[in-house]
């Protein structure tokens, strides 16, 4: 595990992160397929002074990027406090099972100790569910709904 690190996402990570986003959004772990526009907007938000998003990359000892995570910042009226949504968490195959997910959750807990930490998971992603439960997440008893803006 010491051969890996987590650091804030940089503009120079865009190509590698975008490639990983394509793989992540094409997998069964995500309900939507994303698009090049979405990927570009997400990386831009995570690498700029956008107050609603931040991003991290996982790197190997040689500095190569082997994963990424994107966080969304919001507020919950239900809990009366700020919320950090762990929106994306993707690791390349060789970086999985090395404790990097737990390290990310520890980083989020340390950086945002007074925030509610939330994430979504497909109910068929059993490996991820085990990781999340091991990290202290619990399942909420309701479904989330969405209404997207109409594009003209």
C-alpha atoms as a PDB file:
ATOM      1  CA  UNK A   1       0.000   0.000   0.000  1.00  0.00           C
ATOM      2  CA  UNK A   2       2.915   2.382   0.619  1.00  0.00           C
ATOM      3  CA  UNK A   3       3.779   2.229  -3.096  1.00  0.00           C
ATOM      4  CA  UNK A   4       0.648   4.276  -3.834  1.00  0.00           C
ATOM      5  CA  UNK A   5      -0.387   7.794  -2.954  1.00  0.00           C
ATOM      6  CA  UNK A   6      -3.362  10.127  -3.308  1.00  0.00           C
ATOM      7  CA  UNK A   7      -2.985  13.723  -4.441  1.00  0.00           C
ATOM      8  CA  UNK A   8      -5.236  16.519  -5.712  1.00  0.00           C
ATOM      9  CA  UNK A   9      -6.119  16.251  -9.386  1.00  0.00           C
ATOM     10  CA  UNK A  10      -4.218  18.578 -11.749  1.00  0.00           C
ATOM     11  CA  UNK A  11      -5.063  19.901 -15.208  1.00  0.00           C
ATOM     12  CA  UNK A  12      -2.190  17.775 -16.533  1.00  0.00           C
ATOM     13  CA  UNK A  13      -4.073  14.634 -15.386  1.00  0.00           C
ATOM     14  CA  UNK A  14      -6.973  15.322 -17.772  1.00  0.00           C
ATOM     15  CA  UNK A  15      -6.105  12.767 -20.488  1.00  0.00           C
ATOM     16  CA  UNK A  16      -5.487   9.912 -18.035  1.00  0.00           C
ATOM     17  CA  UNK A  17      -8.533  10.718 -15.889  1.00  0.00           C
ATOM     18  CA  UNK A  18     -10.770  11.078 -18.944  1.00  0.00           C
ATOM     19  CA  UNK A  19      -9.684   7.645 -20.191  1.00  0.00           C
ATOM     20  CA  UNK A  20     -10.519   6.150 -16.796  1.00  0.00           C
ATOM     21  CA  UNK A  21     -13.867   7.969 -16.775  1.00  0.00           C
ATOM     22  CA  UNK A  22     -14.722   6.350 -20.100  1.00  0.00           C
ATOM     23  CA  UNK A  23     -14.058   2.919 -18.566  1.00  0.00           C
ATOM     24  CA  UNK A  24     -15.909   3.746 -15.336  1.00  0.00           C
ATOM     25  CA  UNK A  25     -18.994   5.142 -17.057  1.00  0.00           C
ATOM     26  CA  UNK A  26     -19.123   2.172 -19.452  1.00  0.00           C
ATOM     27  CA  UNK A  27     -19.106  -0.271 -16.515  1.00  0.00           C
ATOM     28  CA  UNK A  28     -22.020  -1.679 -14.550  1.00  0.00           C
ATOM     29  CA  UNK A  29     -20.975   0.506 -11.590  1.00  0.00           C
ATOM     30  CA  UNK A  30     -22.608   3.579 -13.132  1.00  0.00           C
ATOM     31  CA  UNK A  31     -26.186   4.011 -14.310  1.00  0.00           C
ATOM     32  CA  UNK A  32     -25.437   6.634 -16.991  1.00  0.00           C
ATOM     33  CA  UNK A  33     -22.959   6.448 -19.865  1.00  0.00           C
ATOM     34  CA  UNK A  34     -21.510   9.941 -19.536  1.00  0.00           C
ATOM     35  CA  UNK A  35     -20.197  11.831 -22.542  1.00  0.00           C
ATOM     36  CA  UNK A  36     -17.046  13.609 -23.615  1.00  0.00           C
ATOM     37  CA  UNK A  37     -18.689  16.903 -22.610  1.00  0.00           C
ATOM     38  CA  UNK A  38     -19.508  15.553 -19.139  1.00  0.00           C
ATOM     39  CA  UNK A  39     -15.990  14.154 -18.702  1.00  0.00           C
ATOM     40  CA  UNK A  40     -14.407  17.451 -19.750  1.00  0.00           C
ATOM     41  CA  UNK A  41     -16.725  19.494 -17.510  1.00  0.00           C
ATOM     42  CA  UNK A  42     -16.045  17.222 -14.542  1.00  0.00           C
ATOM     43  CA  UNK A  43     -12.257  17.411 -14.843  1.00  0.00           C
ATOM     44  CA  UNK A  44     -12.471  21.183 -15.354  1.00  0.00           C
ATOM     45  CA  UNK A  45     -14.600  21.540 -12.210  1.00  0.00           C
ATOM     46  CA  UNK A  46     -12.209  19.372 -10.180  1.00  0.00           C
ATOM     47  CA  UNK A  47      -9.093  21.261 -11.272  1.00  0.00           C
ATOM     48  CA  UNK A  48     -10.392  24.820 -11.051  1.00  0.00           C
ATOM     49  CA  UNK A  49     -11.598  26.975  -8.199  1.00  0.00           C
ATOM     50  CA  UNK A  50     -15.108  25.532  -8.534  1.00  0.00           C
ATOM     51  CA  UNK A  51     -16.586  25.474  -4.995  1.00  0.00           C
ATOM     52  CA  UNK A  52     -18.801  22.481  -5.761  1.00  0.00           C
ATOM     53  CA  UNK A  53     -16.228  19.899  -6.898  1.00  0.00           C
ATOM     54  CA  UNK A  54     -12.796  18.574  -6.078  1.00  0.00           C
ATOM     55  CA  UNK A  55     -10.822  15.683  -7.488  1.00  0.00           C
ATOM     56  CA  UNK A  56      -8.053  13.339  -6.442  1.00  0.00           C
ATOM     57  CA  UNK A  57      -5.864  10.911  -8.314  1.00  0.00           C
ATOM     58  CA  UNK A  58      -4.247   7.737  -7.075  1.00  0.00           C
ATOM     59  CA  UNK A  59      -0.647   7.301  -8.206  1.00  0.00           C
ATOM     60  CA  UNK A  60       1.855   4.469  -8.246  1.00  0.00           C
ATOM     61  CA  UNK A  61       5.377   4.810  -6.872  1.00  0.00           C
ATOM     62  CA  UNK A  62       6.597   5.842 -10.351  1.00  0.00           C
ATOM     63  CA  UNK A  63       4.061   8.703 -10.404  1.00  0.00           C
ATOM     64  CA  UNK A  64       1.731   7.147 -12.992  1.00  0.00           C
ATOM     65  CA  UNK A  65      -1.980   7.643 -12.389  1.00  0.00           C
ATOM     66  CA  UNK A  66      -3.876   4.451 -11.548  1.00  0.00           C
ATOM     67  CA  UNK A  67      -7.218   5.845 -10.402  1.00  0.00           C
ATOM     68  CA  UNK A  68      -9.279   8.891  -9.599  1.00  0.00           C
ATOM     69  CA  UNK A  69     -12.060  10.140  -7.371  1.00  0.00           C
ATOM     70  CA  UNK A  70     -14.356  13.141  -7.667  1.00  0.00           C
ATOM     71  CA  UNK A  71     -16.155  14.778  -4.766  1.00  0.00           C
ATOM     72  CA  UNK A  72     -19.183  17.060  -4.890  1.00  0.00           C
ATOM     73  CA  UNK A  73     -19.786  19.616  -2.146  1.00  0.00           C
ATOM     74  CA  UNK A  74     -23.348  20.407  -1.053  1.00  0.00           C
ATOM     75  CA  UNK A  75     -25.572  21.027   1.971  1.00  0.00           C
ATOM     76  CA  UNK A  76     -28.218  18.755   3.492  1.00  0.00           C
ATOM     77  CA  UNK A  77     -31.291  20.319   4.999  1.00  0.00           C
ATOM     78  CA  UNK A  78     -32.172  16.849   6.291  1.00  0.00           C
ATOM     79  CA  UNK A  79     -29.028  16.828   8.466  1.00  0.00           C
ATOM     80  CA  UNK A  80     -28.478  20.589   8.738  1.00  0.00           C
ATOM     81  CA  UNK A  81     -24.836  20.402   7.670  1.00  0.00           C
ATOM     82  CA  UNK A  82     -22.518  20.289   4.682  1.00  0.00           C
ATOM     83  CA  UNK A  83     -22.263  17.116   2.619  1.00  0.00           C
ATOM     84  CA  UNK A  84     -19.433  15.575   0.657  1.00  0.00           C
ATOM     85  CA  UNK A  85     -20.690  13.279  -2.098  1.00  0.00           C
ATOM     86  CA  UNK A  86     -18.107  10.753  -3.228  1.00  0.00           C
ATOM     87  CA  UNK A  87     -19.275  10.844  -6.838  1.00  0.00           C
ATOM     88  CA  UNK A  88     -16.659   8.760  -8.640  1.00  0.00           C
ATOM     89  CA  UNK A  89     -14.166   6.234  -7.324  1.00  0.00           C
ATOM     90  CA  UNK A  90     -12.271   4.297  -9.970  1.00  0.00           C
ATOM     91  CA  UNK A  91      -9.093   2.244  -9.724  1.00  0.00           C
ATOM     92  CA  UNK A  92      -7.343   0.389 -12.508  1.00  0.00           C
ATOM     93  CA  UNK A  93      -7.392  -3.377 -12.080  1.00  0.00           C
ATOM     94  CA  UNK A  94      -3.821  -3.669 -10.718  1.00  0.00           C
ATOM     95  CA  UNK A  95      -4.493  -1.003  -8.049  1.00  0.00           C
ATOM     96  CA  UNK A  96      -7.606  -2.665  -6.634  1.00  0.00           C
ATOM     97  CA  UNK A  97      -7.489  -4.519  -3.332  1.00  0.00           C
ATOM     98  CA  UNK A  98      -4.559  -2.421  -2.088  1.00  0.00           C
ATOM     99  CA  UNK A  99      -6.539  -0.403   0.485  1.00  0.00           C
ATOM    100  CA  UNK A 100      -6.740   2.730  -1.665  1.00  0.00           C
ATOM    101  CA  UNK A 101     -10.511   3.074  -1.271  1.00  0.00           C
ATOM    102  CA  UNK A 102     -10.145   3.037   2.505  1.00  0.00           C
ATOM    103  CA  UNK A 103      -7.313   5.568   2.248  1.00  0.00           C
ATOM    104  CA  UNK A 104      -9.589   7.861   0.232  1.00  0.00           C
ATOM    105  CA  UNK A 105     -12.372   7.540   2.816  1.00  0.00           C
ATOM    106  CA  UNK A 106      -9.860   8.303   5.578  1.00  0.00           C
ATOM    107  CA  UNK A 107      -8.689  11.390   3.662  1.00  0.00           C
ATOM    108  CA  UNK A 108     -12.296  12.579   3.238  1.00  0.00           C
ATOM    109  CA  UNK A 109     -12.972  11.956   6.938  1.00  0.00           C
ATOM    110  CA  UNK A 110      -9.854  13.908   7.930  1.00  0.00           C
ATOM    111  CA  UNK A 111     -10.405  16.800   5.494  1.00  0.00           C
ATOM    112  CA  UNK A 112     -14.186  17.078   6.081  1.00  0.00           C
ATOM    113  CA  UNK A 113     -14.757  15.847   9.661  1.00  0.00           C
ATOM    114  CA  UNK A 114     -17.971  17.826  10.232  1.00  0.00           C
ATOM    115  CA  UNK A 115     -19.579  16.905   6.899  1.00  0.00           C
ATOM    116  CA  UNK A 116     -21.997  14.105   6.117  1.00  0.00           C
ATOM    117  CA  UNK A 117     -20.271  11.697   3.706  1.00  0.00           C
ATOM    118  CA  UNK A 118     -22.528  10.186   1.047  1.00  0.00           C
ATOM    119  CA  UNK A 119     -22.164   8.034  -2.033  1.00  0.00           C
ATOM    120  CA  UNK A 120     -24.247   6.002  -4.422  1.00  0.00           C
ATOM    121  CA  UNK A 121     -23.683   2.412  -5.410  1.00  0.00           C
ATOM    122  CA  UNK A 122     -25.420   0.047  -7.797  1.00  0.00           C
ATOM    123  CA  UNK A 123     -26.970  -2.742  -5.715  1.00  0.00           C
ATOM    124  CA  UNK A 124     -25.236  -5.324  -7.913  1.00  0.00           C
ATOM    125  CA  UNK A 125     -21.748  -3.946  -7.102  1.00  0.00           C
ATOM    126  CA  UNK A 126     -21.195  -6.250  -4.135  1.00  0.00           C
ATOM    127  CA  UNK A 127     -17.440  -5.683  -3.875  1.00  0.00           C
ATOM    128  CA  UNK A 128     -17.952  -1.918  -3.561  1.00  0.00           C
ATOM    129  CA  UNK A 129     -20.781  -2.371  -1.053  1.00  0.00           C
ATOM    130  CA  UNK A 130     -18.497  -4.492   1.171  1.00  0.00           C
ATOM    131  CA  UNK A 131     -15.784  -1.802   0.985  1.00  0.00           C
ATOM    132  CA  UNK A 132     -18.234   0.979   1.816  1.00  0.00           C
ATOM    133  CA  UNK A 133     -19.714  -0.903   4.775  1.00  0.00           C
ATOM    134  CA  UNK A 134     -16.215  -1.699   6.046  1.00  0.00           C
ATOM    135  CA  UNK A 135     -15.527   2.050   5.911  1.00  0.00           C
ATOM    136  CA  UNK A 136     -18.590   2.894   8.027  1.00  0.00           C
ATOM    137  CA  UNK A 137     -21.217   3.681   5.383  1.00  0.00           C
ATOM    138  CA  UNK A 138     -24.756   2.405   5.900  1.00  0.00           C
ATOM    139  CA  UNK A 139     -27.570   1.866   3.422  1.00  0.00           C
ATOM    140  CA  UNK A 140     -30.340   4.442   3.346  1.00  0.00           C
ATOM    141  CA  UNK A 141     -33.888   3.075   3.171  1.00  0.00           C
ATOM    142  CA  UNK A 142     -35.124   5.135   0.241  1.00  0.00           C
ATOM    143  CA  UNK A 143     -34.638   5.548  -3.470  1.00  0.00           C
ATOM    144  CA  UNK A 144     -33.156   8.603  -5.093  1.00  0.00           C
ATOM    145  CA  UNK A 145     -35.051  10.250  -7.944  1.00  0.00           C
ATOM    146  CA  UNK A 146     -33.878  12.655 -10.628  1.00  0.00           C
ATOM    147  CA  UNK A 147     -35.295  15.181 -13.065  1.00  0.00           C
ATOM    148  CA  UNK A 148     -32.839  16.516 -15.596  1.00  0.00           C
ATOM    149  CA  UNK A 149     -33.219  19.844 -17.383  1.00  0.00           C
ATOM    150  CA  UNK A 150     -34.602  19.749 -20.883  1.00  0.00           C
ATOM    151  CA  UNK A 151     -32.009  20.564 -23.537  1.00  0.00           C
ATOM    152  CA  UNK A 152     -33.182  22.937 -26.217  1.00  0.00           C
END
